C-alpha atoms as a PDB file:
ATOM      1  CA  MET A   1     102.377  96.027 138.560  1.00  0.00           C
ATOM      2  CA  ILE A   2     103.573  98.483 135.929  1.00  0.00           C
ATOM      3  CA  VAL A   3     101.560 101.664 135.495  1.00  0.00           C
ATOM      4  CA  ARG A   4     102.652 104.340 133.040  1.00  0.00           C
ATOM      5  CA  ASP A   5     101.014 107.499 131.719  1.00  0.00           C
ATOM      6  CA  MET A   6     101.556 108.006 127.989  1.00  0.00           C
ATOM      7  CA  ASN A   7     101.381 111.786 128.448  1.00  0.00           C
ATOM      8  CA  GLU A   8     104.317 111.664 130.863  1.00  0.00           C
ATOM      9  CA  LEU A   9     106.329 109.407 128.535  1.00  0.00           C
ATOM     10  CA  LYS A  10     105.992 111.822 125.594  1.00  0.00           C
ATOM     11  CA  THR A  11     108.897 113.889 126.942  1.00  0.00           C
ATOM     12  CA  SER A  12     111.077 110.954 128.014  1.00  0.00           C
ATOM     13  CA  ALA A  13     113.680 108.706 126.388  1.00  0.00           C
ATOM     14  CA  ARG A  14     110.834 106.211 125.779  1.00  0.00           C
ATOM     15  CA  THR A  15     109.594 108.409 122.917  1.00  0.00           C
ATOM     16  CA  VAL A  16     111.348 107.836 119.596  1.00  0.00           C
ATOM     17  CA  SER A  17     110.716 109.740 116.357  1.00  0.00           C
ATOM     18  CA  ASP A  18     111.924 109.029 112.840  1.00  0.00           C
ATOM     19  CA  ALA A  19     110.770 109.568 109.243  1.00  0.00           C
ATOM     20  CA  ARG A  20     107.346 111.102 109.991  1.00  0.00           C
ATOM     21  CA  TRP A  21     106.332 108.834 112.877  1.00  0.00           C
ATOM     22  CA  THR A  22     106.599 108.960 116.664  1.00  0.00           C
ATOM     23  CA  SER A  23     106.524 105.901 118.907  1.00  0.00           C
ATOM     24  CA  ILE A  24     105.854 106.098 122.637  1.00  0.00           C
ATOM     25  CA  ARG A  25     107.285 102.894 124.130  1.00  0.00           C
ATOM     26  CA  MET A  26     104.962 101.992 127.011  1.00  0.00           C
ATOM     27  CA  LEU A  27     106.628  98.597 127.622  1.00  0.00           C
ATOM     28  CA  LEU A  28     110.114  97.552 126.550  1.00  0.00           C
ATOM     29  CA  ALA A  29     112.259  94.420 126.796  1.00  0.00           C
ATOM     30  CA  ASP A  30     113.661  95.412 130.189  1.00  0.00           C
ATOM     31  CA  ASP A  31     110.121  95.403 131.627  1.00  0.00           C
ATOM     32  CA  GLY A  32     110.238  91.589 131.372  1.00  0.00           C
ATOM     33  CA  MET A  33     106.790  91.064 129.847  1.00  0.00           C
ATOM     34  CA  GLY A  34     107.967  89.085 126.793  1.00  0.00           C
ATOM     35  CA  PHE A  35     106.640  91.724 124.365  1.00  0.00           C
ATOM     36  CA  SER A  36     106.876  95.474 123.907  1.00  0.00           C
ATOM     37  CA  PHE A  37     103.873  97.784 123.634  1.00  0.00           C
ATOM     38  CA  HIS A  38     103.930 101.117 121.849  1.00  0.00           C
ATOM     39  CA  ILE A  39     101.562 103.885 120.862  1.00  0.00           C
ATOM     40  CA  THR A  40     102.722 104.991 117.426  1.00  0.00           C
ATOM     41  CA  ILE A  41     101.582 108.140 115.642  1.00  0.00           C
ATOM     42  CA  ILE A  42     102.035 108.215 111.856  1.00  0.00           C
ATOM     43  CA  GLU A  43     101.932 111.633 110.203  1.00  0.00           C
ATOM     44  CA  PRO A  44      99.189 112.269 107.623  1.00  0.00           C
ATOM     45  CA  GLY A  45     100.299 111.890 104.012  1.00  0.00           C
ATOM     46  CA  SER A  46     103.333 109.802 104.935  1.00  0.00           C
ATOM     47  CA  ASP A  47     104.310 106.555 103.239  1.00  0.00           C
ATOM     48  CA  HIS A  48     106.468 103.894 104.918  1.00  0.00           C
ATOM     49  CA  ILE A  49     107.954 100.529 103.989  1.00  0.00           C
ATOM     50  CA  PHE A  50     108.658  98.223 106.921  1.00  0.00           C
ATOM     51  CA  HIS A  51     109.882  94.649 107.096  1.00  0.00           C
ATOM     52  CA  TYR A  52     110.150  93.298 110.632  1.00  0.00           C
ATOM     53  CA  LYS A  53     111.943  90.113 109.616  1.00  0.00           C
ATOM     54  CA  ASN A  54     113.272  89.614 113.170  1.00  0.00           C
ATOM     55  CA  HIS A  55     110.073  90.488 115.037  1.00  0.00           C
ATOM     56  CA  PHE A  56     106.376  89.724 114.957  1.00  0.00           C
ATOM     57  CA  GLU A  57     104.132  92.778 115.225  1.00  0.00           C
ATOM     58  CA  SER A  58     100.438  93.280 115.785  1.00  0.00           C
ATOM     59  CA  VAL A  59      98.829  96.681 115.294  1.00  0.00           C
ATOM     60  CA  TYR A  60      95.428  98.020 116.355  1.00  0.00           C
ATOM     61  CA  CYS A  61      94.151 101.300 114.882  1.00  0.00           C
ATOM     62  CA  ILE A  62      92.826 103.675 117.526  1.00  0.00           C
ATOM     63  CA  SER A  63      92.183 106.633 115.204  1.00  0.00           C
ATOM     64  CA  GLY A  64      92.855 107.937 111.712  1.00  0.00           C
ATOM     65  CA  SER A  65      92.838 106.205 108.353  1.00  0.00           C
ATOM     66  CA  GLY A  66      95.275 104.705 105.916  1.00  0.00           C
ATOM     67  CA  LEU A  67      96.200 101.682 103.842  1.00  0.00           C
ATOM     68  CA  ILE A  68      98.446  98.701 104.452  1.00  0.00           C
ATOM     69  CA  GLU A  69      99.812  96.753 101.489  1.00  0.00           C
ATOM     70  CA  ASP A  70     101.368  93.293 101.627  1.00  0.00           C
ATOM     71  CA  LEU A  71     104.338  93.844  99.319  1.00  0.00           C
ATOM     72  CA  ALA A  72     104.634  90.119  98.534  1.00  0.00           C
ATOM     73  CA  THR A  73     101.078  89.829  97.206  1.00  0.00           C
ATOM     74  CA  GLY A  74      99.995  93.392  96.425  1.00  0.00           C
ATOM     75  CA  GLU A  75      96.929  92.869  98.627  1.00  0.00           C
ATOM     76  CA  MET A  76      95.746  96.124 100.228  1.00  0.00           C
ATOM     77  CA  HIS A  77      93.637  96.682 103.330  1.00  0.00           C
ATOM     78  CA  GLU A  78      92.046  99.764 104.801  1.00  0.00           C
ATOM     79  CA  VAL A  79      93.349 100.800 108.221  1.00  0.00           C
ATOM     80  CA  LYS A  80      90.741 102.604 110.322  1.00  0.00           C
ATOM     81  CA  PRO A  81      89.584 102.605 113.946  1.00  0.00           C
ATOM     82  CA  GLY A  82      88.826  99.076 115.090  1.00  0.00           C
ATOM     83  CA  VAL A  83      91.045  97.355 112.506  1.00  0.00           C
ATOM     84  CA  MET A  84      93.901  95.107 113.659  1.00  0.00           C
ATOM     85  CA  TYR A  85      96.608  93.619 111.480  1.00  0.00           C
ATOM     86  CA  ALA A  86      99.248  91.114 112.496  1.00  0.00           C
ATOM     87  CA  LEU A  87     102.494  90.530 110.643  1.00  0.00           C
ATOM     88  CA  ASP A  88     102.537  86.805 111.359  1.00  0.00           C
ATOM     89  CA  LYS A  89     104.895  85.947 108.498  1.00  0.00           C
ATOM     90  CA  HIS A  90     107.298  88.857 109.017  1.00  0.00           C
ATOM     91  CA  ASP A  91     105.416  90.460 106.127  1.00  0.00           C
ATOM     92  CA  ARG A  92     107.204  93.204 104.222  1.00  0.00           C
ATOM     93  CA  HIS A  93     104.576  95.926 104.000  1.00  0.00           C
ATOM     94  CA  ARG A  94     103.818  99.482 103.021  1.00  0.00           C
ATOM     95  CA  LEU A  95     101.819 101.701 105.363  1.00  0.00           C
ATOM     96  CA  GLN A  96     100.262 104.879 104.016  1.00  0.00           C
ATOM     97  CA  ALA A  97      98.567 107.393 106.298  1.00  0.00           C
ATOM     98  CA  LYS A  98      95.670 109.291 104.747  1.00  0.00           C
ATOM     99  CA  GLU A  99      95.013 110.995 108.086  1.00  0.00           C
ATOM    100  CA  GLU A 100      97.114 110.946 111.234  1.00  0.00           C
ATOM    101  CA  LEU A 101      97.132 107.338 112.419  1.00  0.00           C
ATOM    102  CA  VAL A 102      97.267 106.503 116.111  1.00  0.00           C
ATOM    103  CA  LEU A 103      98.200 102.841 116.491  1.00  0.00           C
ATOM    104  CA  ALA A 104      98.696 100.482 119.434  1.00  0.00           C
ATOM    105  CA  CYS A 105     101.554  98.113 118.542  1.00  0.00           C
ATOM    106  CA  CYS A 106     102.981  94.974 120.168  1.00  0.00           C
ATOM    107  CA  PHE A 107     106.353  93.481 119.213  1.00  0.00           C
ATOM    108  CA  ASN A 108     107.681  90.012 119.944  1.00  0.00           C
ATOM    109  CA  PRO A 109     110.496  89.690 120.758  1.00  0.00           C
ATOM    110  CA  PRO A 110     110.214  92.982 122.616  1.00  0.00           C
ATOM    111  CA  VAL A 111     112.260  95.929 121.443  1.00  0.00           C
ATOM    112  CA  THR A 112     114.756  97.588 123.771  1.00  0.00           C
ATOM    113  CA  GLY A 113     113.889 101.132 122.736  1.00  0.00           C
ATOM    114  CA  LYS A 114     117.260 101.761 121.095  1.00  0.00           C
ATOM    115  CA  GLU A 115     116.486 100.171 117.703  1.00  0.00           C
ATOM    116  CA  VAL A 116     116.620 102.130 114.473  1.00  0.00           C
ATOM    117  CA  HIS A 117     115.173 100.998 111.171  1.00  0.00           C
ATOM    118  CA  GLN A 118     117.762  99.463 108.877  1.00  0.00           C
ATOM    119  CA  ALA A 119     117.776 100.228 105.133  1.00  0.00           C
ATOM    120  CA  ASP A 120     115.398  97.287 104.472  1.00  0.00           C
ATOM    121  CA  GLY A 121     112.810  98.586 106.979  1.00  0.00           C
ATOM    122  CA  SER A 122     113.637  96.050 109.710  1.00  0.00           C
ATOM    123  CA  TYR A 123     115.096  96.191 113.185  1.00  0.00           C
ATOM    124  CA  ALA A 124     118.211  94.116 113.834  1.00  0.00           C
ATOM    125  CA  ALA A 125     117.628  90.810 115.595  1.00  0.00           C
ATOM    126  CA  PRO A 126     117.952  91.076 119.365  1.00  0.00           C
ATOM    127  CA  PRO A 127     121.008  89.244 120.732  1.00  0.00           C
ATOM    128  CA  SER A 128     120.406  85.498 121.307  1.00  0.00           C
ATOM    129  CA  THR A 129     116.890  85.611 119.860  1.00  0.00           C
ATOM    130  CA  THR A 130     115.376  83.221 117.352  1.00  0.00           C
ATOM    131  CA  VAL A 131     112.016  84.109 115.842  1.00  0.00           C
END
């Protein structure tokens, strides 16, 4: 059984910050669960373009408000507590935070915790992984 306290992880190497967001990595690839699980905090007023072309991601909004736009179609959706979105087609998307967003995120394949966003908004493909 794995039990972790997010408050304890906030000051550990499992917390990563970049470009007006912070991600607390509760589960990573080396935990052997087949997915990673993060609590991500997006700063209010920030605007991000992501494209996880090597990963699937699902996101559940715990608190805050914002908008997610599918950049292929222009379709926009409100993000607010209780809303989940899943990037089932490796969707290139824009996430705008009206208020601070607190999001629970799952990635498959799991991230290692050392990834950085590439110029196109993606993470590099994990070694020997086909999505």
